[in-house]
C-alpha atoms as a PDB file:
ATOM      1  CA  MET A   1      10.809  15.362  22.916  1.00  0.00           C
ATOM      2  CA  ASP A   2      11.415  14.595  19.267  1.00  0.00           C
ATOM      3  CA  ALA A   3       9.796  11.482  17.834  1.00  0.00           C
ATOM      4  CA  PRO A   4      11.797   9.477  15.311  1.00  0.00           C
ATOM      5  CA  ALA A   5      10.966  10.397  11.717  1.00  0.00           C
ATOM      6  CA  SER A   6       9.816   6.853  10.936  1.00  0.00           C
ATOM      7  CA  ALA A   7       7.295   6.945  13.790  1.00  0.00           C
ATOM      8  CA  GLY A   8       5.673  10.063  12.359  1.00  0.00           C
ATOM      9  CA  ALA A   9       5.446   8.531   8.905  1.00  0.00           C
ATOM     10  CA  ALA A  10       3.843   5.350  10.224  1.00  0.00           C
ATOM     11  CA  ALA A  11       1.334   7.308  12.289  1.00  0.00           C
ATOM     12  CA  ALA A  12       0.100   9.092   9.150  1.00  0.00           C
ATOM     13  CA  PHE A  13      -1.571   5.919   7.863  1.00  0.00           C
ATOM     14  CA  GLY A  14      -4.668   4.458   9.453  1.00  0.00           C
ATOM     15  CA  VAL A  15      -8.158   3.078   8.959  1.00  0.00           C
ATOM     16  CA  GLY A  16     -10.351   5.471   6.987  1.00  0.00           C
ATOM     17  CA  MET A  17      -7.486   7.162   5.137  1.00  0.00           C
ATOM     18  CA  GLN A  18      -7.860   7.533   1.364  1.00  0.00           C
ATOM     19  CA  VAL A  19      -4.726   6.304  -0.421  1.00  0.00           C
ATOM     20  CA  VAL A  20      -3.202   5.771  -3.833  1.00  0.00           C
ATOM     21  CA  VAL A  21      -1.576   2.365  -4.315  1.00  0.00           C
ATOM     22  CA  ARG A  22       1.681   2.910  -6.236  1.00  0.00           C
ATOM     23  CA  LEU A  23       2.065  -0.139  -8.478  1.00  0.00           C
ATOM     24  CA  ASP A  24       5.449  -1.763  -9.084  1.00  0.00           C
ATOM     25  CA  ARG A  25       5.816  -1.461 -12.841  1.00  0.00           C
ATOM     26  CA  ALA A  26       9.213  -3.208 -13.052  1.00  0.00           C
ATOM     27  CA  ARG A  27       7.751  -6.289 -14.786  1.00  0.00           C
ATOM     28  CA  TYR A  28       5.072  -4.379 -16.749  1.00  0.00           C
ATOM     29  CA  PRO A  29       6.645  -1.025 -17.738  1.00  0.00           C
ATOM     30  CA  ASP A  30       4.287  -0.483 -20.690  1.00  0.00           C
ATOM     31  CA  SER A  31       1.058  -1.106 -18.767  1.00  0.00           C
ATOM     32  CA  LEU A  32      -1.514   1.667 -19.035  1.00  0.00           C
ATOM     33  CA  VAL A  33      -3.272   0.612 -15.816  1.00  0.00           C
ATOM     34  CA  GLU A  34      -3.590   3.583 -13.469  1.00  0.00           C
ATOM     35  CA  ASP A  35      -2.557   3.383  -9.824  1.00  0.00           C
ATOM     36  CA  PRO A  36      -5.777   2.512  -7.950  1.00  0.00           C
ATOM     37  CA  ILE A  37      -7.311   4.713  -5.276  1.00  0.00           C
ATOM     38  CA  GLY A  38      -8.944   3.234  -2.221  1.00  0.00           C
ATOM     39  CA  VAL A  39      -9.579   3.527   1.487  1.00  0.00           C
ATOM     40  CA  ILE A  40      -7.712   1.706   4.255  1.00  0.00           C
ATOM     41  CA  THR A  41     -10.323  -0.446   5.971  1.00  0.00           C
ATOM     42  CA  ALA A  42      -8.204  -2.531   8.344  1.00  0.00           C
ATOM     43  CA  PRO A  43      -4.645  -3.047   9.518  1.00  0.00           C
ATOM     44  CA  GLY A  44      -2.832  -6.097   8.244  1.00  0.00           C
ATOM     45  CA  GLU A  45       0.036  -7.898   9.902  1.00  0.00           C
ATOM     46  CA  LEU A  46       3.601  -6.689  10.197  1.00  0.00           C
ATOM     47  CA  ILE A  47       5.985  -8.520   7.925  1.00  0.00           C
ATOM     48  CA  GLY A  48       9.744  -8.856   7.925  1.00  0.00           C
ATOM     49  CA  SER A  49      11.688  -6.783   5.439  1.00  0.00           C
ATOM     50  CA  ALA A  50      13.886  -9.601   4.124  1.00  0.00           C
ATOM     51  CA  LEU A  51      13.217 -13.180   3.098  1.00  0.00           C
ATOM     52  CA  TYR A  52      16.685 -14.735   3.475  1.00  0.00           C
ATOM     53  CA  ALA A  53      18.375 -12.367   5.893  1.00  0.00           C
ATOM     54  CA  PRO A  54      17.801 -11.529   9.528  1.00  0.00           C
ATOM     55  CA  VAL A  55      14.761  -9.313   9.912  1.00  0.00           C
ATOM     56  CA  VAL A  56      16.013  -5.796  10.561  1.00  0.00           C
ATOM     57  CA  GLY A  57      12.647  -4.103  10.590  1.00  0.00           C
ATOM     58  CA  LYS A  58       8.947  -4.629  10.224  1.00  0.00           C
ATOM     59  CA  GLU A  59       6.666  -3.147   7.614  1.00  0.00           C
ATOM     60  CA  ALA A  60       2.994  -2.433   8.123  1.00  0.00           C
ATOM     61  CA  ILE A  61       0.463  -4.034   5.803  1.00  0.00           C
ATOM     62  CA  TRP A  62      -2.942  -2.409   5.259  1.00  0.00           C
ATOM     63  CA  VAL A  63      -6.187  -3.747   3.801  1.00  0.00           C
ATOM     64  CA  VAL A  64      -7.298  -1.331   1.072  1.00  0.00           C
ATOM     65  CA  HIS A  65     -10.763  -1.390  -0.539  1.00  0.00           C
ATOM     66  CA  PHE A  66     -10.698   0.198  -3.984  1.00  0.00           C
ATOM     67  CA  GLU A  67     -13.141   2.871  -5.196  1.00  0.00           C
ATOM     68  CA  GLU A  68     -13.600   0.895  -8.425  1.00  0.00           C
ATOM     69  CA  PRO A  69     -12.782  -2.759  -9.116  1.00  0.00           C
ATOM     70  CA  PHE A  70      -9.087  -2.929  -9.961  1.00  0.00           C
ATOM     71  CA  TYR A  71      -7.378  -5.032 -12.633  1.00  0.00           C
ATOM     72  CA  GLY A  72      -3.718  -5.803 -11.926  1.00  0.00           C
ATOM     73  CA  LEU A  73      -0.844  -5.036 -14.257  1.00  0.00           C
ATOM     74  CA  ASP A  74      -0.811  -8.735 -15.160  1.00  0.00           C
ATOM     75  CA  GLY A  75      -4.519  -8.693 -16.104  1.00  0.00           C
ATOM     76  CA  THR A  76      -5.824 -10.392 -12.969  1.00  0.00           C
ATOM     77  CA  GLY A  77      -8.987  -9.124 -11.389  1.00  0.00           C
ATOM     78  CA  PRO A  78     -11.252  -7.484 -10.834  1.00  0.00           C
ATOM     79  CA  HIS A  79     -10.116  -6.984  -7.250  1.00  0.00           C
ATOM     80  CA  GLU A  80     -12.289  -5.122  -4.757  1.00  0.00           C
ATOM     81  CA  SER A  81      -9.617  -5.076  -2.042  1.00  0.00           C
ATOM     82  CA  ALA A  82      -6.017  -6.069  -1.393  1.00  0.00           C
ATOM     83  CA  LYS A  83      -3.425  -6.313   1.371  1.00  0.00           C
ATOM     84  CA  VAL A  84      -0.845  -3.655   0.512  1.00  0.00           C
ATOM     85  CA  PRO A  85       2.563  -2.925   2.098  1.00  0.00           C
ATOM     86  CA  GLN A  86       2.745   0.598   3.491  1.00  0.00           C
ATOM     87  CA  ARG A  87       5.752   1.413   1.247  1.00  0.00           C
ATOM     88  CA  CYS A  88       3.385   1.189  -1.759  1.00  0.00           C
ATOM     89  CA  LEU A  89       0.847   3.628  -0.305  1.00  0.00           C
ATOM     90  CA  GLU A  90       0.644   7.373  -0.669  1.00  0.00           C
ATOM     91  CA  ALA A  91      -1.979   9.704   0.766  1.00  0.00           C
ATOM     92  CA  ALA A  92      -4.536  10.500  -1.938  1.00  0.00           C
ATOM     93  CA  PRO A  93      -4.607  14.135  -3.035  1.00  0.00           C
ATOM     94  CA  GLU A  94      -7.449  16.258  -1.712  1.00  0.00           C
ATOM     95  CA  SER A  95     -10.207  16.473  -4.297  1.00  0.00           C
END
């Protein structure tokens, strides 16, 4: 019984997991803000993967509370938590 690869990847994330939020630097390529580290504290809702096309898949959203208040690439903040799409999350390295 082999599980689909995407099911295994989704199962890796969950409440209590420490994660790094990989910021999208497309609009702010010169920003020196580091990718914030936090802990998943709650599941968010599933969202569609396309705005103007038929939804072909769903993406998990997680509520992440940051270890330190986080200032966004655009200078907003400080943020203590955020709803983050799973595609922007990576398991934090063991310390």
